[in-house]
Amino acid sequence: MKRVSNLMPRIADMDNLREAFLRAASGKTRSQEVLRFREGLEENLYSIRESLLDGSYRFGPYRLFTIFDPKRRTICAAPFADRVAFHAMMRVCHPLFENYQISVSYASRIGLGTYKALEQARHYSHRYQWFLKMDVVKFFDSIDHRQMKHQLSHLVKDSLLLAHWDTLIDGYETAPGKGLPIGNLTSQYFANHYMAVADHFAKEKLGVGPMVRYMDDVVLWGNDKQALLRQAKAYRQFLSDDLHLELHPFTVNRTHLGMSFLGYVVNPQEMRINQRSRHRYRQRVGTVCQCVENGSLSQQQGLQRLQAMIAFLEKANSRRFMKCISEGL
């Protein structure tokens, strides 16, 4: 893959920065941080432009908060100016990251995503007798800074952009030389690219057949259980040796028994909401109703949120569960 250079002038172009501002502000137009930035919009964008081009731009600090969705995660909220810079970078660099991805990858890709991954998983469940599921232990926390920088340097030739990315990567760690912040647009791209190296290894070196990867969740299908296990062990060794990642123990079973994947249970006959998602859904419905009651959300806003949540249920065989939820409102 040919490396691309001279990207920073395009990233720091004022028209690109204006569009990046609109994307960063989408859905947050009443935020005080966004309103303050908008008051001096051209000045603020010009300041970002100049500091990106002369190499003096400094990221951070992050505002940290914890969510439980379903497991405990620390989310890193970057300052708004940084979010504008992230969008400016990825508007230009998106095609470079996208071109390295292959068809097995579904996360953070336009036109793909969760439901496309589930559709493909359902399709393979119809055709094959066995599945083998893998996922990485503390994925974002475990990404190796040196390896991440090495991979990016094979993607991009622009030394100034790479220097900014190095600064961004070095600005956060969960252990010495480890970790990407959850919540950054750049982290989504970097992490997906990090695992794309393993996609190429699986397909081009191991000859893996049916496969779906959603960020660090990886599923293989086949009719030979032992062949799946051999491929998975070689894949695990590659992750350990080259990417310095550790996998949880494999889950391997017959497809007709169902597989928990991306919040659903997938089997050849149907998709159902898994138990963890049911619990989370009940909690979210209760939170929305409480917010409407105490006035922190209008009835219209509450309805919009509930409608978005219903879309999650409609992808599965969940009529009985939806009835139970509606009767409890």
C-alpha atoms as a PDB file:
ATOM      1  CA  MET A   1       0.000   0.000   0.000  1.00  0.00           C
ATOM      2  CA  LYS A   2       1.501   3.321  -1.091  1.00  0.00           C
ATOM      3  CA  ARG A   3       1.957   5.850   1.707  1.00  0.00           C
ATOM      4  CA  VAL A   4       0.403   9.293   1.244  1.00  0.00           C
ATOM      5  CA  SER A   5       2.180  12.576   1.979  1.00  0.00           C
ATOM      6  CA  ASN A   6       1.353  16.302   2.099  1.00  0.00           C
ATOM      7  CA  LEU A   7      -1.859  15.791   4.076  1.00  0.00           C
ATOM      8  CA  MET A   8      -1.539  18.606   6.623  1.00  0.00           C
ATOM      9  CA  PRO A   9      -2.303  21.474   4.204  1.00  0.00           C
ATOM     10  CA  ARG A  10      -5.581  19.737   3.304  1.00  0.00           C
ATOM     11  CA  ILE A  11      -6.384  19.022   6.972  1.00  0.00           C
ATOM     12  CA  ALA A  12      -5.669  22.639   8.004  1.00  0.00           C
ATOM     13  CA  ASP A  13      -7.605  24.154   5.091  1.00  0.00           C
ATOM     14  CA  MET A  14     -10.194  26.567   6.488  1.00  0.00           C
ATOM     15  CA  ASP A  15     -13.070  25.020   4.534  1.00  0.00           C
ATOM     16  CA  ASN A  16     -12.156  21.610   5.933  1.00  0.00           C
ATOM     17  CA  LEU A  17     -11.977  23.063   9.443  1.00  0.00           C
ATOM     18  CA  ARG A  18     -15.397  24.731   9.047  1.00  0.00           C
ATOM     19  CA  GLU A  19     -16.916  21.386   8.040  1.00  0.00           C
ATOM     20  CA  ALA A  20     -15.074  19.695  10.908  1.00  0.00           C
ATOM     21  CA  PHE A  21     -16.617  22.218  13.317  1.00  0.00           C
ATOM     22  CA  LEU A  22     -20.115  21.372  12.054  1.00  0.00           C
ATOM     23  CA  ARG A  23     -19.489  17.662  12.540  1.00  0.00           C
ATOM     24  CA  ALA A  24     -18.000  18.125  16.014  1.00  0.00           C
ATOM     25  CA  ALA A  25     -20.926  20.362  17.027  1.00  0.00           C
ATOM     26  CA  SER A  26     -23.630  18.063  15.630  1.00  0.00           C
ATOM     27  CA  GLY A  27     -26.142  17.248  18.374  1.00  0.00           C
ATOM     28  CA  LYS A  28     -24.366  19.557  20.839  1.00  0.00           C
ATOM     29  CA  THR A  29     -25.397  23.003  19.592  1.00  0.00           C
ATOM     30  CA  ARG A  30     -26.628  24.062  23.071  1.00  0.00           C
ATOM     31  CA  SER A  31     -23.429  23.025  24.826  1.00  0.00           C
ATOM     32  CA  GLN A  32     -21.698  25.964  26.524  1.00  0.00           C
ATOM     33  CA  GLU A  33     -18.365  24.754  25.135  1.00  0.00           C
ATOM     34  CA  VAL A  34     -19.749  24.766  21.592  1.00  0.00           C
ATOM     35  CA  LEU A  35     -21.461  28.140  22.047  1.00  0.00           C
ATOM     36  CA  ARG A  36     -18.231  29.729  23.302  1.00  0.00           C
ATOM     37  CA  PHE A  37     -16.270  28.301  20.388  1.00  0.00           C
ATOM     38  CA  ARG A  38     -18.896  29.518  17.897  1.00  0.00           C
ATOM     39  CA  GLU A  39     -18.710  33.092  19.234  1.00  0.00           C
ATOM     40  CA  GLY A  40     -15.175  33.423  17.887  1.00  0.00           C
ATOM     41  CA  LEU A  41     -15.517  30.757  15.211  1.00  0.00           C
ATOM     42  CA  GLU A  42     -13.165  32.074  12.516  1.00  0.00           C
ATOM     43  CA  GLU A  43     -10.547  33.121  15.058  1.00  0.00           C
ATOM     44  CA  ASN A  44     -10.685  29.753  16.786  1.00  0.00           C
ATOM     45  CA  LEU A  45     -10.469  27.827  13.523  1.00  0.00           C
ATOM     46  CA  TYR A  46      -7.565  29.970  12.344  1.00  0.00           C
ATOM     47  CA  SER A  47      -5.772  29.310  15.632  1.00  0.00           C
ATOM     48  CA  ILE A  48      -6.212  25.539  15.136  1.00  0.00           C
ATOM     49  CA  ARG A  49      -4.999  25.892  11.551  1.00  0.00           C
ATOM     50  CA  GLU A  50      -1.821  27.765  12.475  1.00  0.00           C
ATOM     51  CA  SER A  51      -0.868  25.508  15.371  1.00  0.00           C
ATOM     52  CA  LEU A  52      -1.461  22.370  13.293  1.00  0.00           C
ATOM     53  CA  LEU A  53       0.735  23.708  10.507  1.00  0.00           C
ATOM     54  CA  ASP A  54       3.589  24.940  12.697  1.00  0.00           C
ATOM     55  CA  GLY A  55       3.530  21.814  14.891  1.00  0.00           C
ATOM     56  CA  SER A  56       2.684  23.636  18.129  1.00  0.00           C
ATOM     57  CA  TYR A  57      -0.834  22.199  18.632  1.00  0.00           C
ATOM     58  CA  ARG A  58      -1.271  20.605  22.062  1.00  0.00           C
ATOM     59  CA  PHE A  59      -4.084  18.149  22.849  1.00  0.00           C
ATOM     60  CA  GLY A  60      -6.014  17.783  26.094  1.00  0.00           C
ATOM     61  CA  PRO A  61      -6.517  17.595  28.962  1.00  0.00           C
ATOM     62  CA  TYR A  62      -9.341  15.050  28.964  1.00  0.00           C
ATOM     63  CA  ARG A  63     -12.441  15.207  31.121  1.00  0.00           C
ATOM     64  CA  LEU A  64     -12.917  11.683  32.476  1.00  0.00           C
ATOM     65  CA  PHE A  65     -16.167   9.991  33.455  1.00  0.00           C
ATOM     66  CA  THR A  66     -17.221   6.388  34.006  1.00  0.00           C
ATOM     67  CA  ILE A  67     -20.068   4.449  32.419  1.00  0.00           C
ATOM     68  CA  PHE A  68     -21.313   0.879  32.963  1.00  0.00           C
ATOM     69  CA  ASP A  69     -22.471  -0.314  29.530  1.00  0.00           C
ATOM     70  CA  PRO A  70     -22.443  -3.183  30.427  1.00  0.00           C
ATOM     71  CA  LYS A  71     -18.954  -3.279  31.904  1.00  0.00           C
ATOM     72  CA  ARG A  72     -17.125  -0.431  33.578  1.00  0.00           C
ATOM     73  CA  ARG A  73     -15.473   1.931  31.071  1.00  0.00           C
ATOM     74  CA  THR A  74     -13.642   5.222  31.496  1.00  0.00           C
ATOM     75  CA  ILE A  75     -14.689   7.677  28.786  1.00  0.00           C
ATOM     76  CA  CYS A  76     -12.294  10.480  27.846  1.00  0.00           C
ATOM     77  CA  ALA A  77     -14.013  13.667  26.663  1.00  0.00           C
ATOM     78  CA  ALA A  78     -11.529  15.836  24.764  1.00  0.00           C
ATOM     79  CA  PRO A  79     -11.803  19.651  24.687  1.00  0.00           C
ATOM     80  CA  PHE A  80     -14.028  20.868  21.871  1.00  0.00           C
ATOM     81  CA  ALA A  81     -11.134  22.350  19.881  1.00  0.00           C
ATOM     82  CA  ASP A  82      -9.489  18.914  19.879  1.00  0.00           C
ATOM     83  CA  ARG A  83     -12.684  17.332  18.595  1.00  0.00           C
ATOM     84  CA  VAL A  84     -12.685  19.822  15.712  1.00  0.00           C
ATOM     85  CA  ALA A  85      -9.059  18.875  14.966  1.00  0.00           C
ATOM     86  CA  PHE A  86      -9.935  15.156  15.090  1.00  0.00           C
ATOM     87  CA  HIS A  87     -12.756  15.600  12.580  1.00  0.00           C
ATOM     88  CA  ALA A  88     -10.522  17.706  10.331  1.00  0.00           C
ATOM     89  CA  MET A  89      -7.895  14.964  10.333  1.00  0.00           C
ATOM     90  CA  MET A  90     -10.299  12.125   9.680  1.00  0.00           C
ATOM     91  CA  ARG A  91     -12.255  13.928   6.938  1.00  0.00           C
ATOM     92  CA  VAL A  92      -9.016  13.865   4.958  1.00  0.00           C
ATOM     93  CA  CYS A  93      -7.546  10.571   6.225  1.00  0.00           C
ATOM     94  CA  HIS A  94     -10.724   8.452   6.234  1.00  0.00           C
ATOM     95  CA  PRO A  95     -10.054   6.974   2.744  1.00  0.00           C
ATOM     96  CA  LEU A  96      -6.560   5.872   3.794  1.00  0.00           C
ATOM     97  CA  PHE A  97      -7.875   3.939   6.801  1.00  0.00           C
ATOM     98  CA  GLU A  98     -10.832   2.604   4.812  1.00  0.00           C
ATOM     99  CA  ASN A  99      -8.673   1.307   1.968  1.00  0.00           C
ATOM    100  CA  TYR A 100      -6.698  -0.886   4.367  1.00  0.00           C
ATOM    101  CA  GLN A 101      -9.826  -2.504   5.830  1.00  0.00           C
ATOM    102  CA  ILE A 102     -11.161  -5.724   4.325  1.00  0.00           C
ATOM    103  CA  SER A 103     -14.662  -7.135   4.104  1.00  0.00           C
ATOM    104  CA  VAL A 104     -14.589  -8.963   7.455  1.00  0.00           C
ATOM    105  CA  SER A 105     -14.412  -5.642   9.389  1.00  0.00           C
ATOM    106  CA  TYR A 106     -17.700  -3.933  10.347  1.00  0.00           C
ATOM    107  CA  ALA A 107     -17.033  -1.407  13.148  1.00  0.00           C
ATOM    108  CA  SER A 108     -16.724   2.347  12.490  1.00  0.00           C
ATOM    109  CA  ARG A 109     -17.231   1.951   8.744  1.00  0.00           C
ATOM    110  CA  ILE A 110     -19.739   3.885   6.651  1.00  0.00           C
ATOM    111  CA  GLY A 111     -22.563   1.681   5.396  1.00  0.00           C
ATOM    112  CA  LEU A 112     -21.664  -1.207   7.696  1.00  0.00           C
ATOM    113  CA  GLY A 113     -21.852  -1.240  11.523  1.00  0.00           C
ATOM    114  CA  THR A 114     -23.630  -3.389  14.106  1.00  0.00           C
ATOM    115  CA  TYR A 115     -26.668  -4.527  12.147  1.00  0.00           C
ATOM    116  CA  LYS A 116     -24.730  -5.433   8.999  1.00  0.00           C
ATOM    117  CA  ALA A 117     -22.363  -7.495  11.175  1.00  0.00           C
ATOM    118  CA  LEU A 118     -25.351  -9.252  12.723  1.00  0.00           C
ATOM    119  CA  GLU A 119     -26.901  -9.944   9.319  1.00  0.00           C
ATOM    120  CA  GLN A 120     -23.657 -11.542   8.158  1.00  0.00           C
ATOM    121  CA  ALA A 121     -23.391 -13.557  11.381  1.00  0.00           C
ATOM    122  CA  ARG A 122     -26.940 -14.812  10.878  1.00  0.00           C
ATOM    123  CA  HIS A 123     -26.111 -15.761   7.276  1.00  0.00           C
ATOM    124  CA  TYR A 124     -23.063 -17.791   8.345  1.00  0.00           C
ATOM    125  CA  SER A 125     -25.069 -19.430  11.136  1.00  0.00           C
ATOM    126  CA  HIS A 126     -27.402 -20.813   8.463  1.00  0.00           C
ATOM    127  CA  ARG A 127     -24.539 -22.254   6.422  1.00  0.00           C
ATOM    128  CA  TYR A 128     -22.082 -23.669   8.974  1.00  0.00           C
ATOM    129  CA  GLN A 129     -22.271 -26.084  11.897  1.00  0.00           C
ATOM    130  CA  TRP A 130     -19.731 -24.489  14.244  1.00  0.00           C
ATOM    131  CA  PHE A 131     -18.725 -21.003  15.373  1.00  0.00           C
ATOM    132  CA  LEU A 132     -15.686 -19.881  17.351  1.00  0.00           C
ATOM    133  CA  LYS A 133     -15.806 -16.499  19.063  1.00  0.00           C
ATOM    134  CA  MET A 134     -12.845 -14.485  20.388  1.00  0.00           C
ATOM    135  CA  ASP A 135     -12.403 -11.107  22.042  1.00  0.00           C
ATOM    136  CA  VAL A 136      -9.457  -9.127  23.384  1.00  0.00           C
ATOM    137  CA  VAL A 137      -8.826  -8.568  27.093  1.00  0.00           C
ATOM    138  CA  LYS A 138      -9.163  -4.812  27.801  1.00  0.00           C
ATOM    139  CA  PHE A 139      -8.674  -3.966  24.147  1.00  0.00           C
ATOM    140  CA  PHE A 140      -8.324  -0.163  24.160  1.00  0.00           C
ATOM    141  CA  ASP A 141      -6.257  -0.268  27.356  1.00  0.00           C
ATOM    142  CA  SER A 142      -3.869  -2.830  25.845  1.00  0.00           C
ATOM    143  CA  ILE A 143      -3.001  -1.180  22.522  1.00  0.00           C
ATOM    144  CA  ASP A 144       0.760  -0.761  22.346  1.00  0.00           C
ATOM    145  CA  HIS A 145       1.889   2.799  21.568  1.00  0.00           C
ATOM    146  CA  ARG A 146       5.067   1.802  19.731  1.00  0.00           C
ATOM    147  CA  GLN A 147       3.235  -0.718  17.550  1.00  0.00           C
ATOM    148  CA  MET A 148       0.398   1.738  16.891  1.00  0.00           C
ATOM    149  CA  LYS A 149       2.845   4.411  15.724  1.00  0.00           C
ATOM    150  CA  HIS A 150       4.652   1.849  13.567  1.00  0.00           C
ATOM    151  CA  GLN A 151       1.408   0.892  11.820  1.00  0.00           C
ATOM    152  CA  LEU A 152       0.437   4.527  11.226  1.00  0.00           C
ATOM    153  CA  SER A 153       3.855   5.274   9.737  1.00  0.00           C
ATOM    154  CA  HIS A 154       3.167   2.567   7.120  1.00  0.00           C
ATOM    155  CA  LEU A 155      -0.119   4.271   6.265  1.00  0.00           C
ATOM    156  CA  VAL A 156       0.947   7.937   6.124  1.00  0.00           C
ATOM    157  CA  LYS A 157       4.142   9.617   4.899  1.00  0.00           C
ATOM    158  CA  ASP A 158       3.380  13.133   6.207  1.00  0.00           C
ATOM    159  CA  SER A 159       5.907  13.651   9.032  1.00  0.00           C
ATOM    160  CA  LEU A 160       4.022  16.590  10.571  1.00  0.00           C
ATOM    161  CA  LEU A 161       0.754  14.645  10.786  1.00  0.00           C
ATOM    162  CA  LEU A 162       2.587  11.639  12.248  1.00  0.00           C
ATOM    163  CA  ALA A 163       4.179  13.938  14.844  1.00  0.00           C
ATOM    164  CA  HIS A 164       0.704  15.183  15.866  1.00  0.00           C
ATOM    165  CA  TRP A 165      -0.557  11.599  16.093  1.00  0.00           C
ATOM    166  CA  ASP A 166       2.486  10.609  18.166  1.00  0.00           C
ATOM    167  CA  THR A 167       1.728  13.457  20.576  1.00  0.00           C
ATOM    168  CA  LEU A 168      -1.911  12.411  20.759  1.00  0.00           C
ATOM    169  CA  ILE A 169      -1.038   8.748  21.409  1.00  0.00           C
ATOM    170  CA  ASP A 170       1.604   9.613  24.031  1.00  0.00           C
ATOM    171  CA  GLY A 171      -0.847  11.928  25.819  1.00  0.00           C
ATOM    172  CA  TYR A 172      -2.822   9.035  27.321  1.00  0.00           C
ATOM    173  CA  GLU A 173      -1.811   5.725  28.860  1.00  0.00           C
ATOM    174  CA  THR A 174      -3.306   3.085  31.127  1.00  0.00           C
ATOM    175  CA  ALA A 175       0.137   1.541  31.704  1.00  0.00           C
ATOM    176  CA  PRO A 176       3.561   2.621  30.430  1.00  0.00           C
ATOM    177  CA  GLY A 177       3.341   2.774  26.627  1.00  0.00           C
ATOM    178  CA  LYS A 178      -0.173   1.295  26.526  1.00  0.00           C
ATOM    179  CA  GLY A 179      -3.736   2.422  25.884  1.00  0.00           C
ATOM    180  CA  LEU A 180      -5.926   4.611  23.691  1.00  0.00           C
ATOM    181  CA  PRO A 181      -8.626   6.873  25.155  1.00  0.00           C
ATOM    182  CA  ILE A 182     -12.180   5.632  24.644  1.00  0.00           C
ATOM    183  CA  GLY A 183     -14.282   8.479  23.291  1.00  0.00           C
ATOM    184  CA  ASN A 184     -11.929  10.013  20.709  1.00  0.00           C
ATOM    185  CA  LEU A 185     -12.832   9.837  17.035  1.00  0.00           C
ATOM    186  CA  THR A 186      -9.163   9.182  16.308  1.00  0.00           C
ATOM    187  CA  SER A 187      -9.124   6.258  18.748  1.00  0.00           C
ATOM    188  CA  GLN A 188     -11.896   4.523  16.789  1.00  0.00           C
ATOM    189  CA  TYR A 189      -9.870   4.781  13.600  1.00  0.00           C
ATOM    190  CA  PHE A 190      -6.563   3.863  15.232  1.00  0.00           C
ATOM    191  CA  ALA A 191      -7.979   0.851  17.093  1.00  0.00           C
ATOM    192  CA  ASN A 192      -9.810  -0.479  14.036  1.00  0.00           C
ATOM    193  CA  HIS A 193      -6.629  -0.096  11.992  1.00  0.00           C
ATOM    194  CA  TYR A 194      -4.640  -1.877  14.712  1.00  0.00           C
ATOM    195  CA  MET A 195      -6.851  -4.961  14.392  1.00  0.00           C
ATOM    196  CA  ALA A 196      -7.021  -4.738  10.573  1.00  0.00           C
ATOM    197  CA  VAL A 197      -3.435  -6.005  10.506  1.00  0.00           C
ATOM    198  CA  ALA A 198      -4.731  -9.209  12.115  1.00  0.00           C
ATOM    199  CA  ASP A 199      -7.564  -9.382   9.540  1.00  0.00           C
ATOM    200  CA  HIS A 200      -4.993  -9.485   6.740  1.00  0.00           C
ATOM    201  CA  PHE A 201      -3.001 -12.134   8.606  1.00  0.00           C
ATOM    202  CA  ALA A 202      -6.112 -14.279   9.144  1.00  0.00           C
ATOM    203  CA  LYS A 203      -7.206 -14.158   5.518  1.00  0.00           C
ATOM    204  CA  GLU A 204      -3.892 -14.005   3.671  1.00  0.00           C
ATOM    205  CA  LYS A 205      -1.665 -16.205   5.857  1.00  0.00           C
ATOM    206  CA  LEU A 206      -4.006 -18.529   7.753  1.00  0.00           C
ATOM    207  CA  GLY A 207      -6.581 -18.929   4.966  1.00  0.00           C
ATOM    208  CA  VAL A 208      -9.465 -18.346   7.394  1.00  0.00           C
ATOM    209  CA  GLY A 209     -12.879 -18.733   5.765  1.00  0.00           C
ATOM    210  CA  PRO A 210     -16.110 -17.143   7.057  1.00  0.00           C
ATOM    211  CA  MET A 211     -15.196 -14.416   9.560  1.00  0.00           C
ATOM    212  CA  VAL A 212     -16.717 -11.272  11.072  1.00  0.00           C
ATOM    213  CA  ARG A 213     -14.819  -8.732  13.180  1.00  0.00           C
ATOM    214  CA  TYR A 214     -16.510  -5.916  15.066  1.00  0.00           C
ATOM    215  CA  MET A 215     -13.602  -3.941  16.619  1.00  0.00           C
ATOM    216  CA  ASP A 216     -12.072  -6.570  18.952  1.00  0.00           C
ATOM    217  CA  ASP A 217     -14.909  -9.130  18.743  1.00  0.00           C
ATOM    218  CA  VAL A 218     -13.957 -11.796  16.190  1.00  0.00           C
ATOM    219  CA  VAL A 219     -16.049 -14.779  15.048  1.00  0.00           C
ATOM    220  CA  LEU A 220     -15.061 -17.649  12.749  1.00  0.00           C
ATOM    221  CA  TRP A 221     -17.430 -20.261  11.266  1.00  0.00           C
ATOM    222  CA  GLY A 222     -16.890 -23.679   9.744  1.00  0.00           C
ATOM    223  CA  ASN A 223     -17.920 -27.325   9.674  1.00  0.00           C
ATOM    224  CA  ASP A 224     -14.708 -28.658  11.248  1.00  0.00           C
ATOM    225  CA  LYS A 225     -14.338 -27.771  14.939  1.00  0.00           C
ATOM    226  CA  GLN A 226     -10.683 -28.834  15.135  1.00  0.00           C
ATOM    227  CA  ALA A 227      -9.758 -26.749  12.076  1.00  0.00           C
ATOM    228  CA  LEU A 228     -11.394 -23.706  13.690  1.00  0.00           C
ATOM    229  CA  LEU A 229      -9.413 -24.282  16.881  1.00  0.00           C
ATOM    230  CA  ARG A 230      -6.128 -24.559  14.957  1.00  0.00           C
ATOM    231  CA  GLN A 231      -6.798 -21.293  13.130  1.00  0.00           C
ATOM    232  CA  ALA A 232      -7.842 -19.543  16.325  1.00  0.00           C
ATOM    233  CA  LYS A 233      -4.680 -20.643  18.138  1.00  0.00           C
ATOM    234  CA  ALA A 234      -2.488 -19.311  15.314  1.00  0.00           C
ATOM    235  CA  TYR A 235      -4.491 -16.060  15.309  1.00  0.00           C
ATOM    236  CA  ARG A 236      -4.054 -15.767  19.090  1.00  0.00           C
ATOM    237  CA  GLN A 237      -0.295 -16.269  18.722  1.00  0.00           C
ATOM    238  CA  PHE A 238      -0.116 -13.507  16.112  1.00  0.00           C
ATOM    239  CA  LEU A 239      -2.014 -11.101  18.357  1.00  0.00           C
ATOM    240  CA  SER A 240       0.331 -11.888  21.225  1.00  0.00           C
ATOM    241  CA  ASP A 241       3.604 -11.719  19.259  1.00  0.00           C
ATOM    242  CA  ASP A 242       2.903  -8.850  16.849  1.00  0.00           C
ATOM    243  CA  LEU A 243       0.190  -6.730  18.476  1.00  0.00           C
ATOM    244  CA  HIS A 244       0.887  -7.492  22.164  1.00  0.00           C
ATOM    245  CA  LEU A 245      -2.765  -8.321  22.817  1.00  0.00           C
ATOM    246  CA  GLU A 246      -4.274 -11.101  24.918  1.00  0.00           C
ATOM    247  CA  LEU A 247      -7.475 -12.974  24.084  1.00  0.00           C
ATOM    248  CA  HIS A 248     -10.095 -14.219  26.513  1.00  0.00           C
ATOM    249  CA  PRO A 249     -10.657 -17.999  26.341  1.00  0.00           C
ATOM    250  CA  PHE A 250     -12.358 -19.033  23.088  1.00  0.00           C
ATOM    251  CA  THR A 251     -16.090 -19.717  22.913  1.00  0.00           C
ATOM    252  CA  VAL A 252     -16.727 -22.573  20.486  1.00  0.00           C
ATOM    253  CA  ASN A 253     -20.103 -24.244  19.960  1.00  0.00           C
ATOM    254  CA  ARG A 254     -22.632 -25.456  17.424  1.00  0.00           C
ATOM    255  CA  THR A 255     -24.430 -22.654  15.604  1.00  0.00           C
ATOM    256  CA  HIS A 256     -27.917 -24.038  16.270  1.00  0.00           C
ATOM    257  CA  LEU A 257     -27.352 -23.498  20.016  1.00  0.00           C
ATOM    258  CA  GLY A 258     -26.991 -19.743  19.486  1.00  0.00           C
ATOM    259  CA  MET A 259     -24.154 -17.260  19.865  1.00  0.00           C
ATOM    260  CA  SER A 260     -24.137 -14.103  21.991  1.00  0.00           C
ATOM    261  CA  PHE A 261     -22.861 -11.319  19.742  1.00  0.00           C
ATOM    262  CA  LEU A 262     -23.205  -7.511  19.872  1.00  0.00           C
ATOM    263  CA  GLY A 263     -26.082  -7.605  22.359  1.00  0.00           C
ATOM    264  CA  TYR A 264     -28.074 -10.344  20.620  1.00  0.00           C
ATOM    265  CA  VAL A 265     -28.233 -14.132  20.567  1.00  0.00           C
ATOM    266  CA  VAL A 266     -27.802 -15.245  16.953  1.00  0.00           C
ATOM    267  CA  ASN A 267     -28.839 -18.665  15.687  1.00  0.00           C
ATOM    268  CA  PRO A 268     -30.027 -19.983  12.302  1.00  0.00           C
ATOM    269  CA  GLN A 269     -33.707 -19.514  13.146  1.00  0.00           C
ATOM    270  CA  GLU A 270     -33.798 -16.084  14.792  1.00  0.00           C
ATOM    271  CA  MET A 271     -32.080 -13.300  16.702  1.00  0.00           C
ATOM    272  CA  ARG A 272     -33.040 -12.539  20.304  1.00  0.00           C
ATOM    273  CA  ILE A 273     -31.962  -9.862  22.759  1.00  0.00           C
ATOM    274  CA  ASN A 274     -29.445 -11.388  25.156  1.00  0.00           C
ATOM    275  CA  GLN A 275     -29.944 -11.244  28.927  1.00  0.00           C
ATOM    276  CA  ARG A 276     -27.364  -8.514  29.504  1.00  0.00           C
ATOM    277  CA  SER A 277     -29.004  -6.290  26.887  1.00  0.00           C
ATOM    278  CA  ARG A 278     -32.458  -6.884  28.400  1.00  0.00           C
ATOM    279  CA  HIS A 279     -31.201  -5.717  31.781  1.00  0.00           C
ATOM    280  CA  ARG A 280     -29.494  -2.681  30.254  1.00  0.00           C
ATOM    281  CA  TYR A 281     -32.596  -1.836  28.205  1.00  0.00           C
ATOM    282  CA  ARG A 282     -34.850  -1.870  31.271  1.00  0.00           C
ATOM    283  CA  GLN A 283     -32.406   0.444  33.070  1.00  0.00           C
ATOM    284  CA  ARG A 284     -32.298   2.879  30.146  1.00  0.00           C
ATOM    285  CA  VAL A 285     -36.079   2.999  29.802  1.00  0.00           C
ATOM    286  CA  GLY A 286     -36.329   3.721  33.529  1.00  0.00           C
ATOM    287  CA  THR A 287     -33.719   6.483  33.262  1.00  0.00           C
ATOM    288  CA  VAL A 288     -35.508   8.168  30.334  1.00  0.00           C
ATOM    289  CA  CYS A 289     -38.868   8.053  32.136  1.00  0.00           C
ATOM    290  CA  GLN A 290     -37.289   9.490  35.280  1.00  0.00           C
ATOM    291  CA  CYS A 291     -35.685  12.324  33.294  1.00  0.00           C
ATOM    292  CA  VAL A 292     -39.037  13.197  31.716  1.00  0.00           C
ATOM    293  CA  GLU A 293     -40.707  13.194  35.140  1.00  0.00           C
ATOM    294  CA  ASN A 294     -38.099  15.481  36.725  1.00  0.00           C
ATOM    295  CA  GLY A 295     -38.037  17.839  33.730  1.00  0.00           C
ATOM    296  CA  SER A 296     -34.457  17.268  32.598  1.00  0.00           C
ATOM    297  CA  LEU A 297     -35.916  15.917  29.332  1.00  0.00           C
ATOM    298  CA  SER A 298     -39.034  17.154  27.545  1.00  0.00           C
ATOM    299  CA  GLN A 299     -41.703  14.634  26.592  1.00  0.00           C
ATOM    300  CA  GLN A 300     -40.669  15.031  22.954  1.00  0.00           C
ATOM    301  CA  GLN A 301     -37.001  14.344  23.773  1.00  0.00           C
ATOM    302  CA  GLY A 302     -37.973  11.353  25.891  1.00  0.00           C
ATOM    303  CA  LEU A 303     -40.107   9.969  23.068  1.00  0.00           C
ATOM    304  CA  GLN A 304     -37.253  10.377  20.577  1.00  0.00           C
ATOM    305  CA  ARG A 305     -34.883   8.457  22.837  1.00  0.00           C
ATOM    306  CA  LEU A 306     -37.402   5.670  23.391  1.00  0.00           C
ATOM    307  CA  GLN A 307     -38.033   5.388  19.639  1.00  0.00           C
ATOM    308  CA  ALA A 308     -34.288   5.021  19.021  1.00  0.00           C
ATOM    309  CA  MET A 309     -34.170   2.270  21.652  1.00  0.00           C
ATOM    310  CA  ILE A 310     -37.144   0.483  20.099  1.00  0.00           C
ATOM    311  CA  ALA A 311     -35.166   0.239  16.841  1.00  0.00           C
ATOM    312  CA  PHE A 312     -32.672  -1.962  18.720  1.00  0.00           C
ATOM    313  CA  LEU A 313     -35.470  -4.348  19.742  1.00  0.00           C
ATOM    314  CA  GLU A 314     -37.060  -4.458  16.299  1.00  0.00           C
ATOM    315  CA  LYS A 315     -33.985  -6.156  14.861  1.00  0.00           C
ATOM    316  CA  ALA A 316     -34.748  -9.237  16.947  1.00  0.00           C
ATOM    317  CA  ASN A 317     -37.583 -11.574  17.878  1.00  0.00           C
ATOM    318  CA  SER A 318     -38.577  -9.530  20.933  1.00  0.00           C
ATOM    319  CA  ARG A 319     -42.355  -9.023  20.882  1.00  0.00           C
ATOM    320  CA  ARG A 320     -42.881 -10.519  24.317  1.00  0.00           C
ATOM    321  CA  PHE A 321     -40.090  -8.453  25.818  1.00  0.00           C
ATOM    322  CA  MET A 322     -41.411  -5.249  24.167  1.00  0.00           C
ATOM    323  CA  LYS A 323     -44.877  -6.027  25.576  1.00  0.00           C
ATOM    324  CA  CYS A 324     -43.457  -6.454  29.080  1.00  0.00           C
ATOM    325  CA  ILE A 325     -41.615  -3.125  28.800  1.00  0.00           C
ATOM    326  CA  SER A 326     -44.663  -1.230  27.476  1.00  0.00           C
ATOM    327  CA  GLU A 327     -46.899  -2.657  30.209  1.00  0.00           C
ATOM    328  CA  GLY A 328     -44.418  -1.456  32.815  1.00  0.00           C
ATOM    329  CA  LEU A 329     -44.427   2.164  31.595  1.00  0.00           C
END
